[in-house]
Structure formats: C-alpha cells, structure tokens
Amino acid sequence: MTQQINTALLVARILMSLLFIMAGIGKLGNVEGFAGFMASGGIPAFLAWPVILFEILAGFAILAGFMTRPTALALAAFCFASGLLYHFDPPDQNQMNNLLKNLALAGGYIALAIAGAGKFSVDGRKG
C-alpha cells in the first residue's frame, strides 16, 4: 500500500474509534440509565456492562489496528442493529438522521474490514 493510503487508514481508524471509546467511557457515569435505555429497545438490561466493555475494547482495537477486520465487522453489525432498534422512527426526522449515521458508520466499518488496518497498526506490523 502507498504511504497516502496507510495514512488515510490511520486517520480513518482514529476517527472511527473515538466514537466508541468516548461513548463507552461516557456510559460508565450512568450504567443504570444506559441499562434502562437498552431495555426500552428490547435488549435485556443485564447486557449493559458487556455492551459498554465491547464499545471501549472494540474502539481501542480499531485505534491500535488490532484484529481490525473481525472487530470492524462486529462494529458494523453493532451500528446496524443499534440503528434499527433505537433510531428507526420514520415520523421523527432527527431519529432517522441518527439511523442514517449508524448505517453510514456500518458502511465505513465494512470498508475498513475489507481494506484492513494498513501499515501503521498492530496488524500491519504482524504482516
């Protein structure tokens, strides 16, 4: 890969990872509230901690470029499912915009899964 592509993949990983790292850390301040929010979408509240840990760990994995392809696919599925469960509300344009953002993120994670992490990553160092 060229230097420009590797640099672009690094920037993409940084930007895409920040969302999940910050969201996961932010949920630590009110786990009970997040659990209630999850339950409102039909997901059992006891899964709040695993979801929070997934967001944080997957975010750091993408940032480091570690196990990028499977992590990116998992995040794509997460974005797709959470978008449909919590943002599909056609009369509410704001929620539909959030759904489209989730779907766009899913597309970005699919592209990252196909492209890989690039040279500037743990995966790139392993070959």
C-alpha atoms as a PDB file:
ATOM      1  CA  MET A   1       0.000   0.000   0.000  1.00  0.00           C
ATOM      2  CA  THR A   2       1.146   3.507  -0.600  1.00  0.00           C
ATOM      3  CA  GLN A   3       2.075   5.911   2.165  1.00  0.00           C
ATOM      4  CA  GLN A   4      -1.044   8.001   1.451  1.00  0.00           C
ATOM      5  CA  ILE A   5      -3.382   5.018   1.775  1.00  0.00           C
ATOM      6  CA  ASN A   6      -1.725   3.898   5.003  1.00  0.00           C
ATOM      7  CA  THR A   7      -2.006   7.410   6.407  1.00  0.00           C
ATOM      8  CA  ALA A   8      -5.664   7.638   5.346  1.00  0.00           C
ATOM      9  CA  LEU A   9      -6.415   4.294   7.018  1.00  0.00           C
ATOM     10  CA  LEU A  10      -4.746   5.517  10.222  1.00  0.00           C
ATOM     11  CA  VAL A  11      -6.815   8.725  10.212  1.00  0.00           C
ATOM     12  CA  ALA A  12      -9.989   6.737   9.486  1.00  0.00           C
ATOM     13  CA  ARG A  13      -9.252   4.346  12.349  1.00  0.00           C
ATOM     14  CA  ILE A  14      -8.633   7.232  14.751  1.00  0.00           C
ATOM     15  CA  LEU A  15     -11.861   8.996  13.813  1.00  0.00           C
ATOM     16  CA  MET A  16     -13.978   5.836  13.800  1.00  0.00           C
ATOM     17  CA  SER A  17     -12.573   4.577  17.095  1.00  0.00           C
ATOM     18  CA  LEU A  18     -13.147   7.800  19.028  1.00  0.00           C
ATOM     19  CA  LEU A  19     -16.903   7.447  18.752  1.00  0.00           C
ATOM     20  CA  PHE A  20     -16.966   4.094  20.529  1.00  0.00           C
ATOM     21  CA  ILE A  21     -14.231   4.840  23.046  1.00  0.00           C
ATOM     22  CA  MET A  22     -15.917   8.069  24.151  1.00  0.00           C
ATOM     23  CA  ALA A  23     -19.430   6.568  24.076  1.00  0.00           C
ATOM     24  CA  GLY A  24     -18.387   3.578  26.163  1.00  0.00           C
ATOM     25  CA  ILE A  25     -16.499   5.673  28.704  1.00  0.00           C
ATOM     26  CA  GLY A  26     -19.412   8.113  28.880  1.00  0.00           C
ATOM     27  CA  LYS A  27     -21.825   5.314  29.740  1.00  0.00           C
ATOM     28  CA  LEU A  28     -19.732   4.424  32.801  1.00  0.00           C
ATOM     29  CA  GLY A  29     -21.154   7.518  34.505  1.00  0.00           C
ATOM     30  CA  ASN A  30     -24.697   6.148  34.435  1.00  0.00           C
ATOM     31  CA  VAL A  31     -24.732   2.415  33.795  1.00  0.00           C
ATOM     32  CA  GLU A  32     -28.201   2.047  35.314  1.00  0.00           C
ATOM     33  CA  GLY A  33     -29.619   4.697  32.995  1.00  0.00           C
ATOM     34  CA  PHE A  34     -27.989   3.056  29.998  1.00  0.00           C
ATOM     35  CA  ALA A  35     -29.380  -0.326  31.082  1.00  0.00           C
ATOM     36  CA  GLY A  36     -32.866   1.205  31.162  1.00  0.00           C
ATOM     37  CA  PHE A  37     -32.335   2.704  27.706  1.00  0.00           C
ATOM     38  CA  MET A  38     -31.266  -0.685  26.384  1.00  0.00           C
ATOM     39  CA  ALA A  39     -34.348  -2.299  27.882  1.00  0.00           C
ATOM     40  CA  SER A  40     -36.533   0.262  26.096  1.00  0.00           C
ATOM     41  CA  GLY A  41     -35.295  -1.200  22.805  1.00  0.00           C
ATOM     42  CA  GLY A  42     -35.931  -4.779  23.857  1.00  0.00           C
ATOM     43  CA  ILE A  43     -32.357  -5.657  24.869  1.00  0.00           C
ATOM     44  CA  PRO A  44     -32.032  -7.137  28.383  1.00  0.00           C
ATOM     45  CA  ALA A  45     -30.651  -4.613  30.855  1.00  0.00           C
ATOM     46  CA  PHE A  46     -28.078  -7.096  32.196  1.00  0.00           C
ATOM     47  CA  LEU A  47     -26.212  -6.713  28.892  1.00  0.00           C
ATOM     48  CA  ALA A  48     -25.328  -3.090  29.670  1.00  0.00           C
ATOM     49  CA  TRP A  49     -21.873  -3.935  31.052  1.00  0.00           C
ATOM     50  CA  PRO A  50     -20.924  -6.245  28.160  1.00  0.00           C
ATOM     51  CA  VAL A  51     -22.043  -3.593  25.664  1.00  0.00           C
ATOM     52  CA  ILE A  52     -20.041  -0.884  27.430  1.00  0.00           C
ATOM     53  CA  LEU A  53     -16.951  -3.102  27.513  1.00  0.00           C
ATOM     54  CA  PHE A  54     -17.454  -4.012  23.855  1.00  0.00           C
ATOM     55  CA  GLU A  55     -17.629  -0.356  22.843  1.00  0.00           C
ATOM     56  CA  ILE A  56     -14.477   0.555  24.753  1.00  0.00           C
ATOM     57  CA  LEU A  57     -12.416  -2.514  23.814  1.00  0.00           C
ATOM     58  CA  ALA A  58     -13.516  -2.560  20.181  1.00  0.00           C
ATOM     59  CA  GLY A  59     -12.810   1.164  19.946  1.00  0.00           C
ATOM     60  CA  PHE A  60      -9.271   0.693  21.256  1.00  0.00           C
ATOM     61  CA  ALA A  61      -8.755  -2.329  18.988  1.00  0.00           C
ATOM     62  CA  ILE A  62      -9.683  -0.244  15.933  1.00  0.00           C
ATOM     63  CA  LEU A  63      -7.498   2.615  17.161  1.00  0.00           C
ATOM     64  CA  ALA A  64      -4.490   0.306  17.515  1.00  0.00           C
ATOM     65  CA  GLY A  65      -5.342  -1.625  14.377  1.00  0.00           C
ATOM     66  CA  PHE A  66      -5.510  -4.890  16.310  1.00  0.00           C
ATOM     67  CA  MET A  67      -7.707  -7.657  14.872  1.00  0.00           C
ATOM     68  CA  THR A  68      -9.102  -4.929  12.663  1.00  0.00           C
ATOM     69  CA  ARG A  69     -11.088  -6.993  10.186  1.00  0.00           C
ATOM     70  CA  PRO A  70     -13.203  -9.024  12.663  1.00  0.00           C
ATOM     71  CA  THR A  71     -13.555  -6.050  15.019  1.00  0.00           C
ATOM     72  CA  ALA A  72     -14.705  -3.795  12.187  1.00  0.00           C
ATOM     73  CA  LEU A  73     -17.292  -6.373  11.118  1.00  0.00           C
ATOM     74  CA  ALA A  74     -18.546  -6.661  14.699  1.00  0.00           C
ATOM     75  CA  LEU A  75     -18.835  -2.867  14.938  1.00  0.00           C
ATOM     76  CA  ALA A  76     -20.647  -2.747  11.585  1.00  0.00           C
ATOM     77  CA  ALA A  77     -23.208  -5.238  12.889  1.00  0.00           C
ATOM     78  CA  PHE A  78     -23.472  -3.285  16.151  1.00  0.00           C
ATOM     79  CA  CYS A  79     -24.102   0.001  14.284  1.00  0.00           C
ATOM     80  CA  PHE A  80     -26.686  -1.615  12.023  1.00  0.00           C
ATOM     81  CA  ALA A  81     -28.574  -3.329  14.843  1.00  0.00           C
ATOM     82  CA  SER A  82     -28.494  -0.393  17.264  1.00  0.00           C
ATOM     83  CA  GLY A  83     -29.576   1.954  14.489  1.00  0.00           C
ATOM     84  CA  LEU A  84     -32.616  -0.145  13.689  1.00  0.00           C
ATOM     85  CA  LEU A  85     -33.509  -0.830  17.323  1.00  0.00           C
ATOM     86  CA  TYR A  86     -33.150   2.695  18.660  1.00  0.00           C
ATOM     87  CA  HIS A  87     -33.387   5.140  15.760  1.00  0.00           C
ATOM     88  CA  PHE A  88     -35.888   3.737  13.247  1.00  0.00           C
ATOM     89  CA  ASP A  89     -38.743   6.187  13.744  1.00  0.00           C
ATOM     90  CA  PRO A  90     -39.895   7.499  10.344  1.00  0.00           C
ATOM     91  CA  PRO A  91     -42.038  10.374  11.701  1.00  0.00           C
ATOM     92  CA  ASP A  92     -39.036  11.734  13.654  1.00  0.00           C
ATOM     93  CA  GLN A  93     -36.534  13.224  11.218  1.00  0.00           C
ATOM     94  CA  ASN A  94     -33.842  13.524  13.911  1.00  0.00           C
ATOM     95  CA  GLN A  95     -34.071   9.822  14.704  1.00  0.00           C
ATOM     96  CA  MET A  96     -33.985   8.955  11.021  1.00  0.00           C
ATOM     97  CA  ASN A  97     -30.844  11.088  10.616  1.00  0.00           C
ATOM     98  CA  ASN A  98     -29.307   9.129  13.513  1.00  0.00           C
ATOM     99  CA  LEU A  99     -30.306   5.892  11.778  1.00  0.00           C
ATOM    100  CA  LEU A 100     -28.601   7.020   8.584  1.00  0.00           C
ATOM    101  CA  LYS A 101     -25.474   7.970  10.549  1.00  0.00           C
ATOM    102  CA  ASN A 102     -25.422   4.485  12.087  1.00  0.00           C
ATOM    103  CA  LEU A 103     -25.815   2.921   8.651  1.00  0.00           C
ATOM    104  CA  ALA A 104     -23.027   5.129   7.274  1.00  0.00           C
ATOM    105  CA  LEU A 105     -20.777   4.034  10.132  1.00  0.00           C
ATOM    106  CA  ALA A 106     -21.629   0.412   9.373  1.00  0.00           C
ATOM    107  CA  GLY A 107     -20.575   1.020   5.782  1.00  0.00           C
ATOM    108  CA  GLY A 108     -17.323   2.605   6.938  1.00  0.00           C
ATOM    109  CA  TYR A 109     -16.578  -0.346   9.193  1.00  0.00           C
ATOM    110  CA  ILE A 110     -17.300  -2.764   6.340  1.00  0.00           C
ATOM    111  CA  ALA A 111     -14.860  -0.819   4.150  1.00  0.00           C
ATOM    112  CA  LEU A 112     -12.273  -0.937   6.940  1.00  0.00           C
ATOM    113  CA  ALA A 113     -12.805  -4.698   7.274  1.00  0.00           C
ATOM    114  CA  ILE A 114     -12.130  -5.094   3.555  1.00  0.00           C
ATOM    115  CA  ALA A 115      -9.149  -2.719   3.419  1.00  0.00           C
ATOM    116  CA  GLY A 116      -7.572  -3.778   6.701  1.00  0.00           C
ATOM    117  CA  ALA A 117      -5.768  -1.526   9.141  1.00  0.00           C
ATOM    118  CA  GLY A 118      -2.840  -0.567   6.945  1.00  0.00           C
ATOM    119  CA  LYS A 119       0.851  -0.376   7.730  1.00  0.00           C
ATOM    120  CA  PHE A 120       0.533   1.895  10.784  1.00  0.00           C
ATOM    121  CA  SER A 121      -1.138  -0.683  13.005  1.00  0.00           C
ATOM    122  CA  VAL A 122      -0.573  -3.754  15.117  1.00  0.00           C
ATOM    123  CA  ASP A 123      -1.989  -5.858  12.278  1.00  0.00           C
ATOM    124  CA  GLY A 124       0.367  -4.158   9.809  1.00  0.00           C
ATOM    125  CA  ARG A 125       3.385  -4.944  11.961  1.00  0.00           C
ATOM    126  CA  LYS A 126       2.381  -8.617  12.110  1.00  0.00           C
ATOM    127  CA  GLY A 127       2.163  -8.737   8.324  1.00  0.00           C
END
